[in-house]
Amino acid sequence: MFIVIVHYKAPLSAIDAAFETHQAWLQQGYRDGIILLSGPQVPRTGGFILAHGVSRAELERRLAQDPFATGGLVEHEVIEVAARTADPRLEFLLGTNSRQ
């Protein structure tokens, strides 16, 4: 499982201008079952993505296709984690290892 921290490198006006295409890219990740959760940081200096069921290489390939990344608007920081304990509603995530 991965936590992706998205760091904005461009003004919010540029981020907002690319938001719809970025949102479409995120929705494809949800449909593919890779992205579980995403949203902005507070204050709005970037965002985050929770991803699973994918290798790091595949995740990085997908992140490179994010319109925010192709436009040079963000930098993605990828942190791999191994969940060991969860609320019962999230137990389906336990034992999910990346396919390396």
PDB file of N, CA and C in Angstrom:
ATOM      1  N   MET A   1       0.853  -1.169   0.000  1.00  0.00           N
ATOM      2  CA  MET A   1       0.000   0.000   0.000  1.00  0.00           C
ATOM      3  C   MET A   1       0.896   1.229   0.000  1.00  0.00           C
ATOM      4  N   PHE A   2       0.392   2.301  -0.583  1.00  0.00           N
ATOM      5  CA  PHE A   2       1.193   3.509  -0.730  1.00  0.00           C
ATOM      6  C   PHE A   2       0.404   4.744  -0.321  1.00  0.00           C
ATOM      7  N   ILE A   3       1.101   5.645   0.331  1.00  0.00           N
ATOM      8  CA  ILE A   3       0.588   6.984   0.576  1.00  0.00           C
ATOM      9  C   ILE A   3       1.394   7.888  -0.341  1.00  0.00           C
ATOM     10  N   VAL A   4       0.702   8.625  -1.176  1.00  0.00           N
ATOM     11  CA  VAL A   4       1.366   9.550  -2.083  1.00  0.00           C
ATOM     12  C   VAL A   4       1.069  10.954  -1.572  1.00  0.00           C
ATOM     13  N   ILE A   5       2.113  11.687  -1.257  1.00  0.00           N
ATOM     14  CA  ILE A   5       1.976  13.080  -0.867  1.00  0.00           C
ATOM     15  C   ILE A   5       2.241  13.912  -2.125  1.00  0.00           C
ATOM     16  N   VAL A   6       1.287  14.750  -2.454  1.00  0.00           N
ATOM     17  CA  VAL A   6       1.383  15.592  -3.646  1.00  0.00           C
ATOM     18  C   VAL A   6       1.786  16.992  -3.190  1.00  0.00           C
ATOM     19  N   HIS A   7       2.909  17.460  -3.690  1.00  0.00           N
ATOM     20  CA  HIS A   7       3.422  18.791  -3.346  1.00  0.00           C
ATOM     21  C   HIS A   7       3.206  19.709  -4.543  1.00  0.00           C
ATOM     22  N   TYR A   8       2.452  20.793  -4.355  1.00  0.00           N
ATOM     23  CA  TYR A   8       2.254  21.760  -5.426  1.00  0.00           C
ATOM     24  C   TYR A   8       3.545  22.527  -5.677  1.00  0.00           C
ATOM     25  N   LYS A   9       3.891  22.687  -6.947  1.00  0.00           N
ATOM     26  CA  LYS A   9       5.059  23.470  -7.364  1.00  0.00           C
ATOM     27  C   LYS A   9       4.630  24.699  -8.158  1.00  0.00           C
ATOM     28  N   ALA A  10       3.336  24.862  -8.342  1.00  0.00           N
ATOM     29  CA  ALA A  10       2.807  25.947  -9.167  1.00  0.00           C
ATOM     30  C   ALA A  10       1.747  26.704  -8.374  1.00  0.00           C
ATOM     31  N   PRO A  11       1.406  27.900  -8.801  1.00  0.00           N
ATOM     32  CA  PRO A  11       0.346  28.661  -8.127  1.00  0.00           C
ATOM     33  C   PRO A  11      -0.994  27.928  -8.206  1.00  0.00           C
ATOM     34  N   LEU A  12      -1.860  28.206  -7.233  1.00  0.00           N
ATOM     35  CA  LEU A  12      -3.174  27.565  -7.212  1.00  0.00           C
ATOM     36  C   LEU A  12      -3.970  27.841  -8.483  1.00  0.00           C
ATOM     37  N   SER A  13      -3.758  28.960  -9.119  1.00  0.00           N
ATOM     38  CA  SER A  13      -4.477  29.246 -10.369  1.00  0.00           C
ATOM     39  C   SER A  13      -4.132  28.215 -11.441  1.00  0.00           C
ATOM     40  N   ALA A  14      -2.881  27.777 -11.504  1.00  0.00           N
ATOM     41  CA  ALA A  14      -2.466  26.748 -12.467  1.00  0.00           C
ATOM     42  C   ALA A  14      -3.015  25.386 -12.063  1.00  0.00           C
ATOM     43  N   ILE A  15      -3.021  25.102 -10.766  1.00  0.00           N
ATOM     44  CA  ILE A  15      -3.593  23.846 -10.256  1.00  0.00           C
ATOM     45  C   ILE A  15      -5.076  23.801 -10.603  1.00  0.00           C
ATOM     46  N   ASP A  16      -5.783  24.884 -10.328  1.00  0.00           N
ATOM     47  CA  ASP A  16      -7.222  24.934 -10.606  1.00  0.00           C
ATOM     48  C   ASP A  16      -7.507  24.775 -12.095  1.00  0.00           C
ATOM     49  N   ALA A  17      -6.666  25.329 -12.950  1.00  0.00           N
ATOM     50  CA  ALA A  17      -6.873  25.233 -14.398  1.00  0.00           C
ATOM     51  C   ALA A  17      -6.753  23.796 -14.898  1.00  0.00           C
ATOM     52  N   ALA A  18      -5.946  22.973 -14.220  1.00  0.00           N
ATOM     53  CA  ALA A  18      -5.746  21.575 -14.621  1.00  0.00           C
ATOM     54  C   ALA A  18      -6.592  20.599 -13.809  1.00  0.00           C
ATOM     55  N   PHE A  19      -7.425  21.125 -12.919  1.00  0.00           N
ATOM     56  CA  PHE A  19      -8.134  20.260 -11.968  1.00  0.00           C
ATOM     57  C   PHE A  19      -9.050  19.240 -12.641  1.00  0.00           C
ATOM     58  N   GLU A  20      -9.806  19.647 -13.649  1.00  0.00           N
ATOM     59  CA  GLU A  20     -10.757  18.707 -14.264  1.00  0.00           C
ATOM     60  C   GLU A  20     -10.046  17.516 -14.900  1.00  0.00           C
ATOM     61  N   THR A  21      -8.941  17.750 -15.591  1.00  0.00           N
ATOM     62  CA  THR A  21      -8.223  16.630 -16.199  1.00  0.00           C
ATOM     63  C   THR A  21      -7.556  15.766 -15.135  1.00  0.00           C
ATOM     64  N   HIS A  22      -7.084  16.389 -14.067  1.00  0.00           N
ATOM     65  CA  HIS A  22      -6.523  15.629 -12.940  1.00  0.00           C
ATOM     66  C   HIS A  22      -7.611  14.762 -12.299  1.00  0.00           C
ATOM     67  N   GLN A  23      -8.802  15.329 -12.123  1.00  0.00           N
ATOM     68  CA  GLN A  23      -9.917  14.593 -11.524  1.00  0.00           C
ATOM     69  C   GLN A  23     -10.290  13.389 -12.391  1.00  0.00           C
ATOM     70  N   ALA A  24     -10.298  13.553 -13.700  1.00  0.00           N
ATOM     71  CA  ALA A  24     -10.591  12.433 -14.605  1.00  0.00           C
ATOM     72  C   ALA A  24      -9.531  11.342 -14.453  1.00  0.00           C
ATOM     73  N   TRP A  25      -8.269  11.743 -14.316  1.00  0.00           N
ATOM     74  CA  TRP A  25      -7.181  10.780 -14.100  1.00  0.00           C
ATOM     75  C   TRP A  25      -7.385  10.031 -12.788  1.00  0.00           C
ATOM     76  N   LEU A  26      -7.756  10.757 -11.716  1.00  0.00           N
ATOM     77  CA  LEU A  26      -8.031  10.108 -10.429  1.00  0.00           C
ATOM     78  C   LEU A  26      -9.164   9.106 -10.554  1.00  0.00           C
ATOM     79  N   GLN A  27     -10.248   9.496 -11.218  1.00  0.00           N
ATOM     80  CA  GLN A  27     -11.412   8.616 -11.356  1.00  0.00           C
ATOM     81  C   GLN A  27     -11.048   7.316 -12.059  1.00  0.00           C
ATOM     82  N   GLN A  28     -10.130   7.369 -13.035  1.00  0.00           N
ATOM     83  CA  GLN A  28      -9.677   6.133 -13.685  1.00  0.00           C
ATOM     84  C   GLN A  28      -8.968   5.241 -12.669  1.00  0.00           C
ATOM     85  N   GLY A  29      -8.177   5.830 -11.788  1.00  0.00           N
ATOM     86  CA  GLY A  29      -7.516   5.055 -10.732  1.00  0.00           C
ATOM     87  C   GLY A  29      -8.508   4.409  -9.785  1.00  0.00           C
ATOM     88  N   TYR A  30      -9.602   5.105  -9.471  1.00  0.00           N
ATOM     89  CA  TYR A  30     -10.660   4.516  -8.649  1.00  0.00           C
ATOM     90  C   TYR A  30     -11.321   3.358  -9.398  1.00  0.00           C
ATOM     91  N   ARG A  31     -11.643   3.557 -10.669  1.00  0.00           N
ATOM     92  CA  ARG A  31     -12.279   2.489 -11.457  1.00  0.00           C
ATOM     93  C   ARG A  31     -11.380   1.269 -11.561  1.00  0.00           C
ATOM     94  N   ASP A  32     -10.072   1.485 -11.643  1.00  0.00           N
ATOM     95  CA  ASP A  32      -9.118   0.384 -11.743  1.00  0.00           C
ATOM     96  C   ASP A  32      -8.877  -0.301 -10.401  1.00  0.00           C
ATOM     97  N   GLY A  33      -9.450   0.251  -9.311  1.00  0.00           N
ATOM     98  CA  GLY A  33      -9.307  -0.348  -7.991  1.00  0.00           C
ATOM     99  C   GLY A  33      -7.972  -0.075  -7.332  1.00  0.00           C
ATOM    100  N   ILE A  34      -7.248   0.908  -7.811  1.00  0.00           N
ATOM    101  CA  ILE A  34      -5.921   1.221  -7.275  1.00  0.00           C
ATOM    102  C   ILE A  34      -5.974   2.362  -6.276  1.00  0.00           C
ATOM    103  N   ILE A  35      -6.746   3.390  -6.567  1.00  0.00           N
ATOM    104  CA  ILE A  35      -6.863   4.525  -5.655  1.00  0.00           C
ATOM    105  C   ILE A  35      -8.042   4.280  -4.724  1.00  0.00           C
ATOM    106  N   LEU A  36      -7.788   4.401  -3.427  1.00  0.00           N
ATOM    107  CA  LEU A  36      -8.823   4.201  -2.414  1.00  0.00           C
ATOM    108  C   LEU A  36      -9.344   5.508  -1.849  1.00  0.00           C
ATOM    109  N   LEU A  37      -8.476   6.518  -1.797  1.00  0.00           N
ATOM    110  CA  LEU A  37      -8.809   7.771  -1.122  1.00  0.00           C
ATOM    111  C   LEU A  37      -7.890   8.850  -1.679  1.00  0.00           C
ATOM    112  N   SER A  38      -8.430  10.060  -1.817  1.00  0.00           N
ATOM    113  CA  SER A  38      -7.599  11.170  -2.281  1.00  0.00           C
ATOM    114  C   SER A  38      -8.236  12.478  -1.845  1.00  0.00           C
ATOM    115  N   GLY A  39      -7.447  13.534  -1.874  1.00  0.00           N
ATOM    116  CA  GLY A  39      -7.986  14.834  -1.522  1.00  0.00           C
ATOM    117  C   GLY A  39      -6.884  15.845  -1.289  1.00  0.00           C
ATOM    118  N   PRO A  40      -7.292  17.077  -0.976  1.00  0.00           N
ATOM    119  CA  PRO A  40      -6.309  18.140  -0.755  1.00  0.00           C
ATOM    120  C   PRO A  40      -5.737  18.101   0.652  1.00  0.00           C
ATOM    121  N   GLN A  41      -4.566  18.700   0.799  1.00  0.00           N
ATOM    122  CA  GLN A  41      -4.026  18.961   2.125  1.00  0.00           C
ATOM    123  C   GLN A  41      -4.695  20.234   2.654  1.00  0.00           C
ATOM    124  N   VAL A  42      -4.673  20.390   3.965  1.00  0.00           N
ATOM    125  CA  VAL A  42      -5.210  21.593   4.606  1.00  0.00           C
ATOM    126  C   VAL A  42      -4.095  22.178   5.462  1.00  0.00           C
ATOM    127  N   PRO A  43      -3.602  23.369   5.151  1.00  0.00           N
ATOM    128  CA  PRO A  43      -4.022  24.262   4.079  1.00  0.00           C
ATOM    129  C   PRO A  43      -3.653  23.670   2.716  1.00  0.00           C
ATOM    130  N   ARG A  44      -4.161  24.254   1.666  1.00  0.00           N
ATOM    131  CA  ARG A  44      -4.071  23.702   0.318  1.00  0.00           C
ATOM    132  C   ARG A  44      -2.692  23.955  -0.310  1.00  0.00           C
ATOM    133  N   THR A  45      -1.731  23.148   0.151  1.00  0.00           N
ATOM    134  CA  THR A  45      -0.367  23.218  -0.380  1.00  0.00           C
ATOM    135  C   THR A  45      -0.039  21.994  -1.219  1.00  0.00           C
ATOM    136  N   GLY A  46      -1.002  21.108  -1.358  1.00  0.00           N
ATOM    137  CA  GLY A  46      -0.811  19.861  -2.089  1.00  0.00           C
ATOM    138  C   GLY A  46      -1.990  18.952  -1.828  1.00  0.00           C
ATOM    139  N   GLY A  47      -1.756  17.666  -1.988  1.00  0.00           N
ATOM    140  CA  GLY A  47      -2.811  16.690  -1.778  1.00  0.00           C
ATOM    141  C   GLY A  47      -2.237  15.360  -1.346  1.00  0.00           C
ATOM    142  N   PHE A  48      -3.093  14.343  -1.362  1.00  0.00           N
ATOM    143  CA  PHE A  48      -2.650  12.999  -1.009  1.00  0.00           C
ATOM    144  C   PHE A  48      -3.463  11.978  -1.788  1.00  0.00           C
ATOM    145  N   ILE A  49      -2.893  10.798  -1.941  1.00  0.00           N
ATOM    146  CA  ILE A  49      -3.553   9.663  -2.574  1.00  0.00           C
ATOM    147  C   ILE A  49      -3.201   8.431  -1.752  1.00  0.00           C
ATOM    148  N   LEU A  50      -4.186   7.602  -1.462  1.00  0.00           N
ATOM    149  CA  LEU A  50      -3.949   6.297  -0.851  1.00  0.00           C
ATOM    150  C   LEU A  50      -4.188   5.264  -1.939  1.00  0.00           C
ATOM    151  N   ALA A  51      -3.153   4.487  -2.247  1.00  0.00           N
ATOM    152  CA  ALA A  51      -3.225   3.505  -3.332  1.00  0.00           C
ATOM    153  C   ALA A  51      -2.845   2.129  -2.819  1.00  0.00           C
ATOM    154  N   HIS A  52      -3.413   1.097  -3.455  1.00  0.00           N
ATOM    155  CA  HIS A  52      -3.051  -0.278  -3.085  1.00  0.00           C
ATOM    156  C   HIS A  52      -3.262  -1.203  -4.275  1.00  0.00           C
ATOM    157  N   GLY A  53      -2.757  -2.434  -4.114  1.00  0.00           N
ATOM    158  CA  GLY A  53      -2.961  -3.446  -5.139  1.00  0.00           C
ATOM    159  C   GLY A  53      -2.179  -3.200  -6.415  1.00  0.00           C
ATOM    160  N   VAL A  54      -1.044  -2.523  -6.289  1.00  0.00           N
ATOM    161  CA  VAL A  54      -0.239  -2.177  -7.452  1.00  0.00           C
ATOM    162  C   VAL A  54       1.230  -2.164  -7.023  1.00  0.00           C
ATOM    163  N   SER A  55       2.123  -2.470  -7.934  1.00  0.00           N
ATOM    164  CA  SER A  55       3.550  -2.378  -7.607  1.00  0.00           C
ATOM    165  C   SER A  55       3.975  -0.917  -7.578  1.00  0.00           C
ATOM    166  N   ARG A  56       5.083  -0.668  -6.940  1.00  0.00           N
ATOM    167  CA  ARG A  56       5.606   0.701  -6.899  1.00  0.00           C
ATOM    168  C   ARG A  56       5.903   1.202  -8.312  1.00  0.00           C
ATOM    169  N   ALA A  57       6.485   0.336  -9.137  1.00  0.00           N
ATOM    170  CA  ALA A  57       6.815   0.731 -10.508  1.00  0.00           C
ATOM    171  C   ALA A  57       5.552   1.123 -11.276  1.00  0.00           C
ATOM    172  N   GLU A  58       4.497   0.338 -11.153  1.00  0.00           N
ATOM    173  CA  GLU A  58       3.245   0.655 -11.844  1.00  0.00           C
ATOM    174  C   GLU A  58       2.633   1.939 -11.290  1.00  0.00           C
ATOM    175  N   LEU A  59       2.672   2.124  -9.977  1.00  0.00           N
ATOM    176  CA  LEU A  59       2.143   3.353  -9.383  1.00  0.00           C
ATOM    177  C   LEU A  59       2.921   4.561  -9.900  1.00  0.00           C
ATOM    178  N   GLU A  60       4.230   4.465  -9.921  1.00  0.00           N
ATOM    179  CA  GLU A  60       5.040   5.582 -10.400  1.00  0.00           C
ATOM    180  C   GLU A  60       4.766   5.861 -11.875  1.00  0.00           C
ATOM    181  N   ARG A  61       4.519   4.821 -12.674  1.00  0.00           N
ATOM    182  CA  ARG A  61       4.163   5.010 -14.076  1.00  0.00           C
ATOM    183  C   ARG A  61       2.854   5.778 -14.184  1.00  0.00           C
ATOM    184  N   ARG A  62       1.879   5.394 -13.365  1.00  0.00           N
ATOM    185  CA  ARG A  62       0.583   6.077 -13.371  1.00  0.00           C
ATOM    186  C   ARG A  62       0.717   7.525 -12.893  1.00  0.00           C
ATOM    187  N   LEU A  63       1.494   7.732 -11.836  1.00  0.00           N
ATOM    188  CA  LEU A  63       1.683   9.093 -11.324  1.00  0.00           C
ATOM    189  C   LEU A  63       2.314   9.997 -12.375  1.00  0.00           C
ATOM    190  N   ALA A  64       3.197   9.444 -13.186  1.00  0.00           N
ATOM    191  CA  ALA A  64       3.826  10.227 -14.246  1.00  0.00           C
ATOM    192  C   ALA A  64       2.806  10.675 -15.294  1.00  0.00           C
ATOM    193  N   GLN A  65       1.663   9.997 -15.373  1.00  0.00           N
ATOM    194  CA  GLN A  65       0.610  10.348 -16.329  1.00  0.00           C
ATOM    195  C   GLN A  65      -0.418  11.323 -15.746  1.00  0.00           C
ATOM    196  N   ASP A  66      -0.311  11.622 -14.463  1.00  0.00           N
ATOM    197  CA  ASP A  66      -1.209  12.592 -13.831  1.00  0.00           C
ATOM    198  C   ASP A  66      -1.044  13.926 -14.552  1.00  0.00           C
ATOM    199  N   PRO A  67      -2.142  14.531 -15.007  1.00  0.00           N
ATOM    200  CA  PRO A  67      -2.017  15.835 -15.685  1.00  0.00           C
ATOM    201  C   PRO A  67      -1.294  16.889 -14.846  1.00  0.00           C
ATOM    202  N   PHE A  68      -1.408  16.821 -13.536  1.00  0.00           N
ATOM    203  CA  PHE A  68      -0.644  17.734 -12.692  1.00  0.00           C
ATOM    204  C   PHE A  68       0.854  17.509 -12.890  1.00  0.00           C
ATOM    205  N   ALA A  69       1.263  16.236 -13.023  1.00  0.00           N
ATOM    206  CA  ALA A  69       2.684  15.916 -13.207  1.00  0.00           C
ATOM    207  C   ALA A  69       3.145  16.242 -14.615  1.00  0.00           C
ATOM    208  N   THR A  70       2.356  15.893 -15.622  1.00  0.00           N
ATOM    209  CA  THR A  70       2.777  16.160 -16.999  1.00  0.00           C
ATOM    210  C   THR A  70       2.878  17.662 -17.262  1.00  0.00           C
ATOM    211  N   GLY A  71       2.118  18.446 -16.510  1.00  0.00           N
ATOM    212  CA  GLY A  71       2.183  19.895 -16.637  1.00  0.00           C
ATOM    213  C   GLY A  71       3.251  20.536 -15.775  1.00  0.00           C
ATOM    214  N   GLY A  72       4.005  19.711 -15.021  1.00  0.00           N
ATOM    215  CA  GLY A  72       5.054  20.247 -14.160  1.00  0.00           C
ATOM    216  C   GLY A  72       4.523  21.017 -12.961  1.00  0.00           C
ATOM    217  N   LEU A  73       3.281  20.719 -12.569  1.00  0.00           N
ATOM    218  CA  LEU A  73       2.627  21.466 -11.494  1.00  0.00           C
ATOM    219  C   LEU A  73       2.873  20.891 -10.108  1.00  0.00           C
ATOM    220  N   VAL A  74       3.236  19.601 -10.044  1.00  0.00           N
ATOM    221  CA  VAL A  74       3.381  18.934  -8.749  1.00  0.00           C
ATOM    222  C   VAL A  74       4.600  18.029  -8.731  1.00  0.00           C
ATOM    223  N   GLU A  75       4.949  17.635  -7.526  1.00  0.00           N
ATOM    224  CA  GLU A  75       5.932  16.578  -7.291  1.00  0.00           C
ATOM    225  C   GLU A  75       5.236  15.550  -6.431  1.00  0.00           C
ATOM    226  N   HIS A  76       5.378  14.265  -6.779  1.00  0.00           N
ATOM    227  CA  HIS A  76       4.771  13.182  -5.991  1.00  0.00           C
ATOM    228  C   HIS A  76       5.827  12.547  -5.091  1.00  0.00           C
ATOM    229  N   GLU A  77       5.525  12.440  -3.821  1.00  0.00           N
ATOM    230  CA  GLU A  77       6.367  11.725  -2.854  1.00  0.00           C
ATOM    231  C   GLU A  77       5.653  10.420  -2.531  1.00  0.00           C
ATOM    232  N   VAL A  78       6.261   9.285  -2.851  1.00  0.00           N
ATOM    233  CA  VAL A  78       5.634   7.974  -2.663  1.00  0.00           C
ATOM    234  C   VAL A  78       6.213   7.319  -1.417  1.00  0.00           C
ATOM    235  N   ILE A  79       5.315   6.949  -0.489  1.00  0.00           N
ATOM    236  CA  ILE A  79       5.708   6.286   0.751  1.00  0.00           C
ATOM    237  C   ILE A  79       5.014   4.932   0.790  1.00  0.00           C
ATOM    238  N   GLU A  80       5.787   3.861   0.822  1.00  0.00           N
ATOM    239  CA  GLU A  80       5.200   2.522   0.908  1.00  0.00           C
ATOM    240  C   GLU A  80       4.982   2.176   2.378  1.00  0.00           C
ATOM    241  N   VAL A  81       3.813   1.635   2.689  1.00  0.00           N
ATOM    242  CA  VAL A  81       3.478   1.253   4.062  1.00  0.00           C
ATOM    243  C   VAL A  81       2.923  -0.162   4.071  1.00  0.00           C
ATOM    244  N   ALA A  82       3.026  -0.813   5.237  1.00  0.00           N
ATOM    245  CA  ALA A  82       2.480  -2.160   5.423  1.00  0.00           C
ATOM    246  C   ALA A  82       1.512  -2.109   6.598  1.00  0.00           C
ATOM    247  N   ALA A  83       0.221  -2.023   6.298  1.00  0.00           N
ATOM    248  CA  ALA A  83      -0.789  -1.951   7.358  1.00  0.00           C
ATOM    249  C   ALA A  83      -0.843  -3.269   8.116  1.00  0.00           C
ATOM    250  N   ARG A  84      -0.838  -3.185   9.429  1.00  0.00           N
ATOM    251  CA  ARG A  84      -0.902  -4.375  10.276  1.00  0.00           C
ATOM    252  C   ARG A  84      -2.175  -4.415  11.127  1.00  0.00           C
ATOM    253  N   THR A  85      -2.742  -3.258  11.408  1.00  0.00           N
ATOM    254  CA  THR A  85      -3.932  -3.156  12.254  1.00  0.00           C
ATOM    255  C   THR A  85      -4.898  -2.191  11.583  1.00  0.00           C
ATOM    256  N   ALA A  86      -6.203  -2.506  11.671  1.00  0.00           N
ATOM    257  CA  ALA A  86      -7.188  -1.637  11.032  1.00  0.00           C
ATOM    258  C   ALA A  86      -8.515  -1.712  11.760  1.00  0.00           C
ATOM    259  N   ASP A  87      -9.288  -0.675  11.613  1.00  0.00           N
ATOM    260  CA  ASP A  87     -10.687  -0.683  12.013  1.00  0.00           C
ATOM    261  C   ASP A  87     -11.352  -1.826  11.239  1.00  0.00           C
ATOM    262  N   PRO A  88     -12.309  -2.534  11.836  1.00  0.00           N
ATOM    263  CA  PRO A  88     -12.946  -3.656  11.132  1.00  0.00           C
ATOM    264  C   PRO A  88     -13.472  -3.296   9.743  1.00  0.00           C
ATOM    265  N   ARG A  89     -13.875  -2.064   9.538  1.00  0.00           N
ATOM    266  CA  ARG A  89     -14.388  -1.658   8.225  1.00  0.00           C
ATOM    267  C   ARG A  89     -13.302  -1.621   7.160  1.00  0.00           C
ATOM    268  N   LEU A  90     -12.037  -1.588   7.600  1.00  0.00           N
ATOM    269  CA  LEU A  90     -10.919  -1.496   6.655  1.00  0.00           C
ATOM    270  C   LEU A  90     -10.040  -2.742   6.654  1.00  0.00           C
ATOM    271  N   GLU A  91     -10.502  -3.804   7.293  1.00  0.00           N
ATOM    272  CA  GLU A  91      -9.673  -5.007   7.391  1.00  0.00           C
ATOM    273  C   GLU A  91      -9.319  -5.610   6.038  1.00  0.00           C
ATOM    274  N   PHE A  92     -10.087  -5.302   5.000  1.00  0.00           N
ATOM    275  CA  PHE A  92      -9.762  -5.806   3.676  1.00  0.00           C
ATOM    276  C   PHE A  92      -8.394  -5.308   3.205  1.00  0.00           C
ATOM    277  N   LEU A  93      -7.880  -4.253   3.828  1.00  0.00           N
ATOM    278  CA  LEU A  93      -6.575  -3.729   3.453  1.00  0.00           C
ATOM    279  C   LEU A  93      -5.416  -4.469   4.092  1.00  0.00           C
ATOM    280  N   LEU A  94      -5.673  -5.182   5.154  1.00  0.00           N
ATOM    281  CA  LEU A  94      -4.587  -5.858   5.865  1.00  0.00           C
ATOM    282  C   LEU A  94      -4.020  -6.967   5.003  1.00  0.00           C
ATOM    283  N   GLY A  95      -2.720  -7.060   5.028  1.00  0.00           N
ATOM    284  CA  GLY A  95      -2.058  -8.104   4.256  1.00  0.00           C
ATOM    285  C   GLY A  95      -1.954  -7.790   2.777  1.00  0.00           C
ATOM    286  N   THR A  96      -2.391  -6.599   2.373  1.00  0.00           N
ATOM    287  CA  THR A  96      -2.264  -6.215   0.984  1.00  0.00           C
ATOM    288  C   THR A  96      -0.832  -5.751   0.757  1.00  0.00           C
ATOM    289  N   ASN A  97      -0.099  -6.538   0.031  1.00  0.00           N
ATOM    290  CA  ASN A  97       1.286  -6.170  -0.302  1.00  0.00           C
ATOM    291  C   ASN A  97       1.334  -5.737  -1.750  1.00  0.00           C
ATOM    292  N   SER A  98       2.272  -4.887  -2.041  1.00  0.00           N
ATOM    293  CA  SER A  98       2.433  -4.494  -3.436  1.00  0.00           C
ATOM    294  C   SER A  98       2.934  -5.693  -4.232  1.00  0.00           C
ATOM    295  N   ARG A  99       2.544  -5.748  -5.484  1.00  0.00           N
ATOM    296  CA  ARG A  99       2.975  -6.824  -6.381  1.00  0.00           C
ATOM    297  C   ARG A  99       4.284  -6.417  -7.016  1.00  0.00           C
ATOM    298  N   GLN A 100       5.379  -6.727  -6.340  1.00  0.00           N
ATOM    299  CA  GLN A 100       6.691  -6.296  -6.837  1.00  0.00           C
ATOM    300  C   GLN A 100       7.301  -7.358  -7.714  1.00  0.00           C
TER     301      GLN A 100
END
